[in-house]
Amino acid sequence: MEDSPTPIAELEHGPSKLEEFLDKNQKKLIILAILIFLAVIGYVIITGLAKKGAEDAGAAFMDASSEEDYNQIIKEYSNSNTAGSSAMAIAQSRTTDNDRIAALDHFIATYPDHPGIPSKLLELALIQMNADKNDDAKANLNKLLSNEKSAFLAPRAEIALADIASNNGELEEAERLYTKVRDSKAHFSHIAAERLLYLKATEPQEVKVQPAATPQAPITPSTTEFSLNPTAIPDTPTLPETPAQEESP
């Protein structure tokens, strides 16, 4: 009897390693799937609520017309850009320099990431210059120049710094800044060119004006008065009569 051939390899018909892993970790996988599902649902809900909140805040901002309305938006939507815009609107509604300075200081300190920060830094500095607070203005202008998002306003900030230098008698520094902006050919360069002309203009010298000679009174020709009294008119002289000549015989 011949021996039966020996199989080269025997196929395993038992459970695979993947099946064994699933069997061992089935509960954990179910829990993980539930957590992922809840996370997705939570993200959708949060995103939807944030979108709805932004829409509601925007609608409230459009309807606002007073400082009380803007303060209510800040209270209800404190973490939104609309709250920052409301604080900016409050500053815009103020009528005196000191009130606007206080409101802009609050806006800049409270909402440093708001897209309106660059323009409001410049506005604050210009108001401070108008109120003779040049040191505070200079600090805010330098803060503006150090902000990467403020590059488009940098030339105007440098002109304001040159104005401060000029007022302080620092003419070389003022000339340097004006020239820098003028030569950049950027926006506001024409303003720098005009300021530079005024800076270099020399003061007019005083010219002593000689007093004008006293005009002489005009000489009026004398006039002869004629009387209309007929008795004052001399008689017309009469010629003597010529003797009659005798006729010859």
Protein backbone atom coordinates (compact mmCIF):
# COMPACT_ATOMS: atom_id res chain seq x y z
CA MET A 1 0.00 0.00 0.00
CA GLU A 2 1.41 3.23 -1.07
CA ASP A 3 1.77 6.07 1.35
CA SER A 4 -0.61 9.06 0.73
CA PRO A 5 1.16 12.27 -0.29
CA THR A 6 1.91 14.72 2.46
CA PRO A 7 0.28 18.17 1.83
CA ILE A 8 2.77 20.98 1.41
CA ALA A 9 0.85 23.28 3.70
CA GLU A 10 -2.35 22.95 5.53
CA LEU A 11 -4.94 25.76 5.32
CA GLU A 12 -6.09 27.14 8.61
CA HIS A 13 -9.82 27.29 8.91
CA GLY A 14 -9.92 29.02 12.33
CA PRO A 15 -10.82 32.72 13.01
CA SER A 16 -8.46 35.35 11.55
CA LYS A 17 -6.45 37.78 13.64
CA LEU A 18 -8.76 40.63 12.62
CA GLU A 19 -11.75 38.67 13.81
CA GLU A 20 -9.98 37.88 17.05
CA PHE A 21 -9.18 41.58 17.52
CA LEU A 22 -12.78 42.59 16.86
CA ASP A 23 -14.04 39.97 19.27
CA LYS A 24 -11.70 41.12 21.99
CA ASN A 25 -12.28 44.85 21.51
CA GLN A 26 -15.85 44.94 20.35
CA LYS A 27 -17.09 46.92 23.30
CA LYS A 28 -14.28 49.43 23.06
CA LEU A 29 -14.91 49.93 19.36
CA ILE A 30 -18.58 50.49 19.94
CA ILE A 31 -17.80 53.08 22.60
CA LEU A 32 -15.29 54.79 20.29
CA ALA A 33 -17.82 54.90 17.47
CA ILE A 34 -20.38 56.44 19.79
CA LEU A 35 -17.88 59.07 20.94
CA ILE A 36 -16.97 59.96 17.35
CA PHE A 37 -20.64 60.22 16.46
CA LEU A 38 -21.31 62.48 19.43
CA ALA A 39 -18.31 64.63 18.55
CA VAL A 40 -19.57 65.09 15.00
CA ILE A 41 -23.03 65.91 16.25
CA GLY A 42 -21.58 68.35 18.78
CA TYR A 43 -19.48 70.08 16.14
CA VAL A 44 -22.47 70.48 13.88
CA ILE A 45 -24.57 71.87 16.71
CA ILE A 46 -21.87 74.25 17.94
CA THR A 47 -21.11 75.45 14.41
CA GLY A 48 -24.78 75.98 13.75
CA LEU A 49 -25.28 77.84 17.00
CA ALA A 50 -22.22 80.00 16.33
CA LYS A 51 -23.50 80.80 12.87
CA LYS A 52 -26.93 81.60 14.21
CA GLY A 53 -25.41 83.69 16.99
CA ALA A 54 -23.32 85.63 14.48
CA GLU A 55 -26.38 86.22 12.32
CA ASP A 56 -28.41 87.39 15.32
CA ALA A 57 -25.59 89.68 16.47
CA GLY A 58 -25.26 91.15 13.00
CA ALA A 59 -28.98 91.79 12.79
CA ALA A 60 -28.96 93.45 16.20
CA PHE A 61 -26.02 95.64 15.15
CA MET A 62 -27.83 96.79 12.03
CA ASP A 63 -30.87 97.75 14.11
CA ALA A 64 -28.85 99.55 16.82
CA SER A 65 -29.12 103.33 16.93
CA SER A 66 -27.93 104.37 20.39
CA GLU A 67 -25.13 103.69 22.83
CA GLU A 68 -27.54 101.67 24.96
CA ASP A 69 -28.26 99.39 21.99
CA TYR A 70 -24.57 98.83 21.36
CA ASN A 71 -23.93 98.07 25.03
CA GLN A 72 -26.70 95.47 24.94
CA ILE A 73 -25.03 93.77 21.96
CA ILE A 74 -21.71 93.73 23.83
CA LYS A 75 -23.45 92.11 26.79
CA GLU A 76 -25.25 89.42 24.77
CA TYR A 77 -22.54 88.64 22.19
CA SER A 78 -19.38 89.43 24.13
CA ASN A 79 -17.17 86.92 22.27
CA SER A 80 -18.09 88.00 18.75
CA ASN A 81 -16.57 90.50 16.37
CA THR A 82 -19.90 92.26 16.47
CA ALA A 83 -19.25 93.15 20.10
CA GLY A 84 -16.00 94.79 19.05
CA SER A 85 -17.77 96.64 16.25
CA SER A 86 -20.32 97.88 18.77
CA ALA A 87 -17.55 99.21 21.01
CA MET A 88 -16.05 100.92 17.97
CA ALA A 89 -19.44 102.46 17.13
CA ILE A 90 -19.73 103.80 20.67
CA ALA A 91 -16.36 105.55 20.27
CA GLN A 92 -17.52 107.00 16.96
CA SER A 93 -20.64 108.46 18.57
CA ARG A 94 -18.71 110.40 21.22
CA THR A 95 -18.48 114.14 20.61
CA THR A 96 -15.55 115.37 22.73
CA ASP A 97 -11.89 114.49 22.42
CA ASN A 98 -11.60 113.11 25.95
CA ASP A 99 -14.71 110.93 25.60
CA ARG A 100 -13.57 109.53 22.26
CA ILE A 101 -10.08 108.86 23.61
CA ALA A 102 -11.53 106.89 26.55
CA ALA A 103 -13.85 104.86 24.29
CA LEU A 104 -11.10 104.09 21.75
CA ASP A 105 -8.71 103.06 24.53
CA HIS A 106 -11.34 100.62 25.78
CA PHE A 107 -11.99 99.21 22.30
CA ILE A 108 -8.29 98.69 21.51
CA ALA A 109 -7.55 97.07 24.87
CA THR A 110 -10.62 94.81 24.88
CA TYR A 111 -10.67 93.66 21.24
CA PRO A 112 -7.00 93.53 20.12
CA ASP A 113 -7.76 91.08 17.29
CA HIS A 114 -10.60 93.09 15.76
CA PRO A 115 -9.93 94.02 12.10
CA GLY A 116 -10.68 97.66 12.89
CA ILE A 117 -7.72 98.03 15.28
CA PRO A 118 -5.23 99.57 12.77
CA SER A 119 -7.51 102.39 11.65
CA LYS A 120 -8.65 103.12 15.21
CA LEU A 121 -5.07 103.25 16.48
CA LEU A 122 -4.37 105.96 13.90
CA GLU A 123 -7.60 107.78 14.73
CA LEU A 124 -6.80 107.68 18.45
CA ALA A 125 -3.32 109.09 17.85
CA LEU A 126 -4.63 111.95 15.71
CA ILE A 127 -7.25 112.86 18.34
CA GLN A 128 -4.55 112.81 21.04
CA MET A 129 -2.41 115.14 18.92
CA ASN A 130 -5.37 117.49 18.61
CA ALA A 131 -5.72 117.39 22.41
CA ASP A 132 -1.99 118.21 22.89
CA LYS A 133 -1.25 114.69 24.17
CA ASN A 134 1.68 114.10 21.86
CA ASP A 135 3.44 111.56 24.08
CA ASP A 136 0.39 109.29 24.12
CA ALA A 137 -0.08 109.82 20.39
CA LYS A 138 3.54 108.88 19.69
CA ALA A 139 3.16 105.65 21.68
CA ASN A 140 0.06 104.63 19.73
CA LEU A 141 1.67 105.50 16.39
CA ASN A 142 4.65 103.29 17.21
CA LYS A 143 2.24 100.53 18.23
CA LEU A 144 0.56 100.91 14.86
CA LEU A 145 3.88 100.64 13.02
CA SER A 146 4.75 97.44 14.91
CA ASN A 147 1.47 95.79 13.88
CA GLU A 148 1.93 93.61 10.77
CA LYS A 149 -1.70 94.15 9.79
CA SER A 150 -1.20 97.93 9.72
CA ALA A 151 1.28 98.17 6.84
CA PHE A 152 -1.17 100.07 4.62
CA LEU A 153 -1.45 102.83 7.26
CA ALA A 154 2.26 102.97 8.11
CA PRO A 155 3.00 105.96 5.81
CA ARG A 156 0.25 108.04 7.44
CA ALA A 157 1.52 107.09 10.89
CA GLU A 158 5.04 108.22 9.92
CA ILE A 159 3.67 111.55 8.70
CA ALA A 160 1.98 112.02 12.09
CA LEU A 161 5.25 111.20 13.85
CA ALA A 162 6.99 113.77 11.64
CA ASP A 163 4.35 116.34 12.61
CA ILE A 164 5.07 115.69 16.28
CA ALA A 165 8.81 116.01 15.67
CA SER A 166 8.28 119.27 13.80
CA ASN A 167 6.18 120.71 16.63
CA ASN A 168 8.91 119.72 19.10
CA GLY A 169 11.55 121.50 17.03
CA GLU A 170 13.16 118.22 15.89
CA LEU A 171 13.39 119.38 12.29
CA GLU A 172 15.96 116.82 11.13
CA GLU A 173 13.80 113.92 12.31
CA ALA A 174 10.72 115.48 10.76
CA GLU A 175 12.55 115.95 7.46
CA ARG A 176 13.76 112.35 7.53
CA LEU A 177 10.26 110.94 8.00
CA TYR A 178 8.63 113.25 5.47
CA THR A 179 11.29 112.39 2.90
CA LYS A 180 10.93 108.67 3.54
CA VAL A 181 7.19 108.74 2.89
CA ARG A 182 7.53 111.07 -0.10
CA ASP A 183 10.13 108.88 -1.77
CA SER A 184 8.15 105.70 -1.13
CA LYS A 185 5.58 106.83 -3.73
CA ALA A 186 3.01 105.03 -1.57
CA HIS A 187 -0.38 106.28 -0.56
CA PHE A 188 -0.16 109.56 1.41
CA SER A 189 3.19 110.42 -0.27
CA HIS A 190 1.71 113.65 -1.64
CA ILE A 191 0.88 114.77 1.91
CA ALA A 192 4.49 114.17 2.95
CA ALA A 193 5.73 116.17 -0.05
CA GLU A 194 3.57 119.15 0.92
CA ARG A 195 4.65 119.03 4.55
CA LEU A 196 8.28 118.85 3.47
CA LEU A 197 7.90 122.04 1.42
CA TYR A 198 6.45 123.89 4.41
CA LEU A 199 9.20 122.52 6.65
CA LYS A 200 11.96 123.81 4.36
CA ALA A 201 10.34 127.15 3.68
CA THR A 202 12.32 130.05 5.16
CA GLU A 203 10.60 132.73 7.16
CA PRO A 204 10.03 135.92 5.17
CA GLN A 205 12.36 138.77 6.14
CA GLU A 206 10.81 141.92 7.50
CA VAL A 207 10.95 144.74 5.00
CA LYS A 208 10.91 148.26 6.40
CA VAL A 209 8.61 150.43 4.38
CA GLN A 210 9.56 154.11 4.12
CA PRO A 211 6.68 156.37 5.08
CA ALA A 212 5.11 158.05 2.10
CA ALA A 213 5.77 161.77 1.63
CA THR A 214 2.96 164.06 2.70
CA PRO A 215 1.21 165.12 -0.47
CA GLN A 216 1.22 168.87 -1.18
CA ALA A 217 -2.08 170.60 -1.44
CA PRO A 218 -2.92 171.21 -5.09
CA ILE A 219 -2.62 174.79 -6.32
CA THR A 220 -5.93 176.09 -7.51
CA PRO A 221 -5.93 178.83 -10.15
CA SER A 222 -7.40 182.13 -9.04
CA THR A 223 -10.65 183.11 -10.64
CA THR A 224 -11.90 186.62 -11.45
CA GLU A 225 -15.32 187.37 -10.21
CA PHE A 226 -17.60 189.28 -12.46
CA SER A 227 -20.44 191.30 -11.08
CA LEU A 228 -23.75 191.16 -12.78
CA ASN A 229 -24.60 194.66 -11.57
CA PRO A 230 -25.05 196.72 -14.74
CA THR A 231 -23.92 199.90 -13.02
CA ALA A 232 -20.58 198.37 -12.36
CA ILE A 233 -19.93 197.87 -16.07
CA PRO A 234 -18.06 200.92 -17.50
CA ASP A 235 -19.64 202.86 -20.28
CA THR A 236 -18.46 202.09 -23.73
CA PRO A 237 -16.27 204.96 -24.95
CA THR A 238 -17.66 206.89 -27.87
CA LEU A 239 -15.60 208.11 -30.77
CA PRO A 240 -15.53 211.88 -31.45
CA GLU A 241 -17.67 213.06 -34.24
CA THR A 242 -15.91 213.81 -37.50
CA PRO A 243 -16.53 217.39 -38.70
CA ALA A 244 -18.47 217.65 -41.85
CA GLN A 245 -16.46 218.71 -44.85
CA GLU A 246 -17.60 221.73 -46.83
CA GLU A 247 -18.64 221.07 -50.33
CA SER A 248 -16.51 222.78 -52.96
CA PRO A 249 -18.23 225.35 -55.20
